[in-house]
Amino acid sequence: MHLKLVRSGGLAGLTMVASVDSADLPSDQQGLIALLLTLGVSPKPDAGQRGGPDQFSYQLEIHQGEHSVRHHWDEPDVPEMVRPLLAALVNEARPAH
């Protein structure tokens, strides 16, 4: 599976992008990635429900063959079980061009 994370917002407003193969991530993340792929698209929150101005927003795309899903979370709404995966992806992220 291929994953792409776009993290935007934060104090500096810098957009960071990570694009990795799931095999390059820790083995304990593989089950979560498969679960997120089967869950389908998460709804994008309403603009009025967004986190604070200095918080991060995450968009995670997961691709496996012809099947793709996109998840979106604002900082206060990131599920606890997803936080370690996002942290691993942020470690691989680079500034967007």
N, C-alpha and C. Protein backbone atom coordinates (compact mmCIF):
# COMPACT_ATOMS: atom_id res chain seq x y z
N MET A 1 0.84 -1.18 0.00
CA MET A 1 0.00 0.00 0.00
C MET A 1 0.88 1.24 0.00
N HIS A 2 0.38 2.28 -0.61
CA HIS A 2 1.10 3.54 -0.65
C HIS A 2 0.31 4.57 0.16
N LEU A 3 1.03 5.35 0.96
CA LEU A 3 0.41 6.37 1.79
C LEU A 3 0.98 7.74 1.45
N LYS A 4 0.10 8.73 1.48
CA LYS A 4 0.51 10.12 1.31
C LYS A 4 -0.14 10.92 2.42
N LEU A 5 0.68 11.63 3.18
CA LEU A 5 0.18 12.49 4.25
C LEU A 5 0.49 13.93 3.91
N VAL A 6 -0.50 14.79 4.05
CA VAL A 6 -0.29 16.23 3.94
C VAL A 6 -0.69 16.84 5.28
N ARG A 7 0.29 17.44 5.95
CA ARG A 7 0.01 18.11 7.22
C ARG A 7 0.13 19.60 6.96
N SER A 8 -0.92 20.33 7.29
CA SER A 8 -0.91 21.78 7.08
C SER A 8 -1.28 22.47 8.38
N GLY A 9 -1.07 23.78 8.38
CA GLY A 9 -1.41 24.57 9.55
C GLY A 9 -0.23 24.68 10.50
N GLY A 10 -0.53 24.78 11.76
CA GLY A 10 0.51 24.96 12.76
C GLY A 10 0.92 26.41 12.88
N LEU A 11 1.79 26.69 13.80
CA LEU A 11 2.23 28.05 14.08
C LEU A 11 2.86 28.71 12.86
N ALA A 12 3.69 27.96 12.11
CA ALA A 12 4.37 28.53 10.94
C ALA A 12 3.54 28.44 9.67
N GLY A 13 2.47 27.64 9.69
CA GLY A 13 1.63 27.48 8.51
C GLY A 13 2.32 26.74 7.38
N LEU A 14 3.35 25.97 7.69
CA LEU A 14 4.12 25.23 6.70
C LEU A 14 3.42 23.92 6.35
N THR A 15 3.23 23.65 5.06
CA THR A 15 2.63 22.39 4.64
C THR A 15 3.73 21.36 4.43
N MET A 16 3.58 20.21 5.08
CA MET A 16 4.54 19.12 5.00
C MET A 16 3.88 17.93 4.30
N VAL A 17 4.67 17.23 3.47
CA VAL A 17 4.13 16.11 2.71
C VAL A 17 5.04 14.90 2.90
N ALA A 18 4.43 13.74 3.14
CA ALA A 18 5.15 12.47 3.20
C ALA A 18 4.49 11.53 2.22
N SER A 19 5.30 10.80 1.48
CA SER A 19 4.81 9.80 0.54
C SER A 19 5.65 8.55 0.74
N VAL A 20 5.04 7.50 1.30
CA VAL A 20 5.79 6.30 1.67
C VAL A 20 5.01 5.03 1.33
N ASP A 21 5.75 3.95 1.23
CA ASP A 21 5.16 2.63 1.09
C ASP A 21 4.92 2.09 2.49
N SER A 22 3.80 1.45 2.70
CA SER A 22 3.46 0.97 4.04
C SER A 22 4.50 -0.02 4.57
N ALA A 23 5.21 -0.72 3.68
CA ALA A 23 6.23 -1.67 4.11
C ALA A 23 7.40 -0.97 4.79
N ASP A 24 7.54 0.33 4.57
CA ASP A 24 8.64 1.09 5.18
C ASP A 24 8.29 1.61 6.57
N LEU A 25 7.07 1.37 7.02
CA LEU A 25 6.63 1.83 8.33
C LEU A 25 6.75 0.69 9.35
N PRO A 26 6.72 1.02 10.63
CA PRO A 26 6.80 -0.02 11.66
C PRO A 26 5.70 -1.07 11.48
N SER A 27 6.04 -2.32 11.77
CA SER A 27 5.11 -3.43 11.55
C SER A 27 3.82 -3.28 12.36
N ASP A 28 3.89 -2.62 13.52
CA ASP A 28 2.69 -2.46 14.34
C ASP A 28 1.67 -1.52 13.69
N GLN A 29 2.06 -0.80 12.64
CA GLN A 29 1.14 0.11 11.94
C GLN A 29 0.39 -0.57 10.79
N GLN A 30 0.83 -1.74 10.36
CA GLN A 30 0.25 -2.40 9.19
C GLN A 30 -1.25 -2.70 9.35
N GLY A 31 -1.64 -3.19 10.52
CA GLY A 31 -3.05 -3.49 10.76
C GLY A 31 -3.91 -2.24 10.75
N LEU A 32 -3.40 -1.16 11.32
CA LEU A 32 -4.14 0.10 11.34
C LEU A 32 -4.32 0.64 9.92
N ILE A 33 -3.28 0.54 9.11
CA ILE A 33 -3.37 1.02 7.72
C ILE A 33 -4.43 0.22 6.97
N ALA A 34 -4.44 -1.09 7.16
CA ALA A 34 -5.45 -1.93 6.51
C ALA A 34 -6.85 -1.56 7.00
N LEU A 35 -7.00 -1.29 8.28
CA LEU A 35 -8.29 -0.89 8.83
C LEU A 35 -8.75 0.44 8.23
N LEU A 36 -7.86 1.41 8.16
CA LEU A 36 -8.21 2.71 7.59
C LEU A 36 -8.59 2.58 6.12
N LEU A 37 -7.96 1.65 5.42
CA LEU A 37 -8.30 1.43 4.01
C LEU A 37 -9.71 0.87 3.89
N THR A 38 -10.11 -0.03 4.78
CA THR A 38 -11.44 -0.63 4.70
C THR A 38 -12.53 0.29 5.23
N LEU A 39 -12.18 1.26 6.08
CA LEU A 39 -13.18 2.16 6.63
C LEU A 39 -13.74 3.12 5.60
N GLY A 40 -13.00 3.37 4.55
CA GLY A 40 -13.47 4.31 3.54
C GLY A 40 -13.13 5.73 3.92
N VAL A 41 -13.74 6.66 3.24
CA VAL A 41 -13.43 8.08 3.39
C VAL A 41 -14.04 8.62 4.67
N SER A 42 -13.23 9.36 5.43
CA SER A 42 -13.77 10.03 6.61
C SER A 42 -14.31 11.38 6.19
N PRO A 43 -15.41 11.82 6.78
CA PRO A 43 -15.97 13.10 6.38
C PRO A 43 -15.06 14.25 6.75
N LYS A 44 -15.00 15.24 5.87
CA LYS A 44 -14.22 16.45 6.16
C LYS A 44 -15.07 17.33 7.08
N PRO A 45 -14.47 17.81 8.17
CA PRO A 45 -15.26 18.61 9.10
C PRO A 45 -15.71 19.93 8.48
N ASP A 46 -16.81 20.45 9.01
CA ASP A 46 -17.29 21.76 8.58
C ASP A 46 -16.27 22.83 8.95
N ALA A 47 -16.21 23.89 8.16
CA ALA A 47 -15.27 24.97 8.41
C ALA A 47 -15.46 25.56 9.80
N GLY A 48 -16.69 25.58 10.30
CA GLY A 48 -16.96 26.14 11.61
C GLY A 48 -16.50 25.25 12.74
N GLN A 49 -16.16 24.00 12.46
CA GLN A 49 -15.75 23.06 13.49
C GLN A 49 -14.24 22.82 13.50
N ARG A 50 -13.51 23.59 12.75
CA ARG A 50 -12.06 23.38 12.66
C ARG A 50 -11.40 23.69 13.99
N GLY A 51 -10.18 23.14 14.14
CA GLY A 51 -9.41 23.39 15.35
C GLY A 51 -8.93 24.83 15.39
N GLY A 52 -8.14 25.13 16.39
CA GLY A 52 -7.63 26.48 16.56
C GLY A 52 -6.69 26.87 15.42
N PRO A 53 -6.39 28.16 15.32
CA PRO A 53 -5.59 28.65 14.20
C PRO A 53 -4.17 28.09 14.17
N ASP A 54 -3.63 27.67 15.30
CA ASP A 54 -2.26 27.16 15.34
C ASP A 54 -2.19 25.64 15.38
N GLN A 55 -3.29 24.97 15.12
CA GLN A 55 -3.31 23.52 15.17
C GLN A 55 -3.11 22.94 13.77
N PHE A 56 -2.70 21.68 13.74
CA PHE A 56 -2.45 21.02 12.47
C PHE A 56 -3.72 20.39 11.91
N SER A 57 -3.72 20.25 10.60
CA SER A 57 -4.76 19.54 9.87
C SER A 57 -4.04 18.44 9.08
N TYR A 58 -4.61 17.24 9.08
CA TYR A 58 -3.98 16.09 8.42
C TYR A 58 -4.89 15.53 7.34
N GLN A 59 -4.31 15.27 6.18
CA GLN A 59 -5.04 14.57 5.12
C GLN A 59 -4.19 13.35 4.77
N LEU A 60 -4.77 12.17 4.95
CA LEU A 60 -4.08 10.92 4.70
C LEU A 60 -4.76 10.19 3.56
N GLU A 61 -3.99 9.89 2.52
CA GLU A 61 -4.48 9.10 1.38
C GLU A 61 -3.81 7.74 1.43
N ILE A 62 -4.61 6.69 1.25
CA ILE A 62 -4.09 5.33 1.22
C ILE A 62 -4.51 4.71 -0.11
N HIS A 63 -3.52 4.18 -0.84
CA HIS A 63 -3.77 3.59 -2.15
C HIS A 63 -3.30 2.14 -2.15
N GLN A 64 -4.17 1.26 -2.61
CA GLN A 64 -3.81 -0.15 -2.81
C GLN A 64 -4.41 -0.57 -4.14
N GLY A 65 -3.58 -0.69 -5.15
CA GLY A 65 -4.07 -1.02 -6.48
C GLY A 65 -5.02 0.07 -6.96
N GLU A 66 -6.22 -0.34 -7.35
CA GLU A 66 -7.23 0.60 -7.84
C GLU A 66 -8.05 1.22 -6.71
N HIS A 67 -7.87 0.74 -5.49
CA HIS A 67 -8.66 1.20 -4.34
C HIS A 67 -7.92 2.31 -3.60
N SER A 68 -8.60 3.41 -3.35
CA SER A 68 -8.02 4.54 -2.61
C SER A 68 -9.04 5.10 -1.64
N VAL A 69 -8.54 5.57 -0.52
CA VAL A 69 -9.38 6.29 0.46
C VAL A 69 -8.63 7.52 0.94
N ARG A 70 -9.39 8.48 1.41
CA ARG A 70 -8.82 9.71 1.96
C ARG A 70 -9.47 9.99 3.31
N HIS A 71 -8.63 10.24 4.28
CA HIS A 71 -9.09 10.59 5.62
C HIS A 71 -8.61 12.00 5.94
N HIS A 72 -9.42 12.74 6.68
CA HIS A 72 -9.05 14.10 7.07
C HIS A 72 -9.38 14.29 8.55
N TRP A 73 -8.41 14.83 9.28
CA TRP A 73 -8.61 15.14 10.69
C TRP A 73 -7.99 16.48 11.00
N ASP A 74 -8.65 17.25 11.85
CA ASP A 74 -8.05 18.43 12.44
C ASP A 74 -7.49 18.00 13.79
N GLU A 75 -6.48 18.70 14.26
CA GLU A 75 -5.71 18.30 15.44
C GLU A 75 -6.55 17.80 16.62
N PRO A 76 -7.56 18.48 17.06
CA PRO A 76 -8.24 17.96 18.25
C PRO A 76 -9.05 16.69 17.98
N ASP A 77 -9.31 16.35 16.72
CA ASP A 77 -10.17 15.23 16.38
C ASP A 77 -9.43 13.99 15.91
N VAL A 78 -8.10 13.98 15.95
CA VAL A 78 -7.34 12.81 15.51
C VAL A 78 -7.57 11.68 16.50
N PRO A 79 -8.07 10.52 16.03
CA PRO A 79 -8.27 9.39 16.95
C PRO A 79 -6.94 8.95 17.57
N GLU A 80 -6.99 8.56 18.83
CA GLU A 80 -5.78 8.14 19.55
C GLU A 80 -5.04 7.03 18.82
N MET A 81 -5.78 6.06 18.25
CA MET A 81 -5.12 4.93 17.59
C MET A 81 -4.39 5.36 16.32
N VAL A 82 -4.72 6.52 15.75
CA VAL A 82 -4.11 7.00 14.51
C VAL A 82 -2.88 7.86 14.79
N ARG A 83 -2.78 8.42 15.98
CA ARG A 83 -1.68 9.35 16.29
C ARG A 83 -0.28 8.75 16.05
N PRO A 84 0.01 7.50 16.46
CA PRO A 84 1.34 6.95 16.19
C PRO A 84 1.65 6.83 14.69
N LEU A 85 0.65 6.50 13.90
CA LEU A 85 0.85 6.42 12.45
C LEU A 85 1.17 7.80 11.88
N LEU A 86 0.40 8.80 12.28
CA LEU A 86 0.66 10.16 11.80
C LEU A 86 2.04 10.64 12.23
N ALA A 87 2.44 10.30 13.45
CA ALA A 87 3.77 10.69 13.93
C ALA A 87 4.86 10.05 13.09
N ALA A 88 4.69 8.77 12.74
CA ALA A 88 5.68 8.08 11.90
C ALA A 88 5.75 8.72 10.52
N LEU A 89 4.60 9.11 9.97
CA LEU A 89 4.58 9.74 8.65
C LEU A 89 5.16 11.15 8.69
N VAL A 90 4.88 11.89 9.76
CA VAL A 90 5.42 13.25 9.89
C VAL A 90 6.95 13.18 9.95
N ASN A 91 7.49 12.12 10.54
CA ASN A 91 8.95 11.97 10.60
C ASN A 91 9.56 11.84 9.19
N GLU A 92 8.76 11.37 8.23
CA GLU A 92 9.22 11.21 6.86
C GLU A 92 8.87 12.43 5.98
N ALA A 93 8.13 13.36 6.53
CA ALA A 93 7.60 14.48 5.73
C ALA A 93 8.67 15.53 5.42
N ARG A 94 8.45 16.17 4.28
CA ARG A 94 9.30 17.26 3.81
C ARG A 94 8.40 18.42 3.43
N PRO A 95 8.92 19.65 3.44
CA PRO A 95 8.11 20.79 3.03
C PRO A 95 7.56 20.63 1.60
N ALA A 96 6.30 21.02 1.41
CA ALA A 96 5.68 20.95 0.09
C ALA A 96 6.32 22.01 -0.79
N HIS A 97 6.39 21.73 -2.07
CA HIS A 97 7.00 22.69 -3.02
C HIS A 97 5.95 23.58 -3.58
